[in-house]
Amino acid sequence: MGTELIGHARLMLGDRKTDARELRYLSNRLIEALQDALRIAESRGGRLPVPDESESDSPAQRGEGGAE
């Protein structure tokens, strides 16, 4: 849906005949698509494993001790 809205938005914004009513409608659909994308990203981010502190302090994590 987001990809379709982006294409539609580009066409509408390039057309000087597009009126305020059409732009409001488009804006509302873009907001809905962005809300969906953010909800999905937050949901997926919440399922990512959190590294242990010992892992985040390892030399590889700090950029030390590896081949350069």
Protein backbone atom coordinates (compact mmCIF):
# COMPACT_ATOMS: atom_id res chain seq x y z
CA MET A 1 0.00 0.00 0.00
CA GLY A 2 2.81 2.40 0.86
CA THR A 3 4.51 1.92 -2.49
CA GLU A 4 1.28 2.63 -4.34
CA LEU A 5 0.65 5.75 -2.25
CA ILE A 6 4.13 7.08 -2.92
CA GLY A 7 3.62 6.74 -6.66
CA HIS A 8 0.20 8.34 -6.45
CA ALA A 9 1.55 11.18 -4.30
CA ARG A 10 4.31 11.93 -6.80
CA LEU A 11 1.78 12.18 -9.61
CA MET A 12 -0.60 14.36 -7.62
CA LEU A 13 2.08 16.72 -6.41
CA GLY A 14 3.33 17.17 -9.96
CA ASP A 15 -0.16 18.09 -11.18
CA ARG A 16 -1.05 21.73 -10.58
CA LYS A 17 -4.75 20.86 -11.01
CA THR A 18 -4.81 18.73 -7.82
CA ASP A 19 -7.14 20.41 -5.34
CA ALA A 20 -7.01 20.66 -1.55
CA ARG A 21 -9.65 17.94 -1.08
CA GLU A 22 -7.55 15.44 -3.04
CA LEU A 23 -4.41 16.39 -1.14
CA ARG A 24 -6.17 15.96 2.21
CA TYR A 25 -7.39 12.52 1.16
CA LEU A 26 -3.89 11.55 0.03
CA SER A 27 -2.38 12.90 3.25
CA ASN A 28 -4.74 10.81 5.36
CA ARG A 29 -3.90 7.64 3.41
CA LEU A 30 -0.15 8.39 3.74
CA ILE A 31 -0.59 8.85 7.50
CA GLU A 32 -2.39 5.51 7.74
CA ALA A 33 0.37 3.75 5.80
CA LEU A 34 3.07 5.34 7.96
CA GLN A 35 1.24 4.37 11.16
CA ASP A 36 1.06 0.77 9.92
CA ALA A 37 4.78 0.75 9.05
CA LEU A 38 5.73 2.18 12.46
CA ARG A 39 3.50 -0.31 14.29
CA ILE A 40 5.14 -3.20 12.44
CA ALA A 41 8.66 -1.83 13.03
CA GLU A 42 8.00 -1.41 16.76
CA SER A 43 6.53 -4.89 16.98
CA ARG A 44 9.51 -6.44 15.23
CA GLY A 45 11.97 -4.36 17.25
CA GLY A 46 10.38 -5.55 20.46
CA ARG A 47 11.13 -9.14 19.48
CA LEU A 48 14.85 -8.60 18.82
CA PRO A 49 17.14 -10.19 21.39
CA VAL A 50 18.92 -7.76 23.69
CA PRO A 51 22.68 -8.53 23.91
CA ASP A 52 24.20 -9.20 27.32
CA GLU A 53 26.42 -6.45 28.68
CA SER A 54 29.39 -8.81 28.49
CA GLU A 55 28.75 -9.22 24.76
CA SER A 56 28.54 -5.49 24.12
CA ASP A 57 31.88 -4.93 25.88
CA SER A 58 33.77 -7.57 23.90
CA PRO A 59 36.77 -6.44 21.83
CA ALA A 60 34.96 -7.30 18.58
CA GLN A 61 32.09 -4.99 19.55
CA ARG A 62 34.49 -2.11 20.30
CA GLY A 63 36.43 -2.65 17.07
CA GLU A 64 39.51 -3.99 18.89
CA GLY A 65 41.43 -7.17 18.36
CA GLY A 66 40.21 -7.95 14.88
CA ALA A 67 41.90 -8.12 11.52
CA GLU A 68 41.98 -4.79 9.78
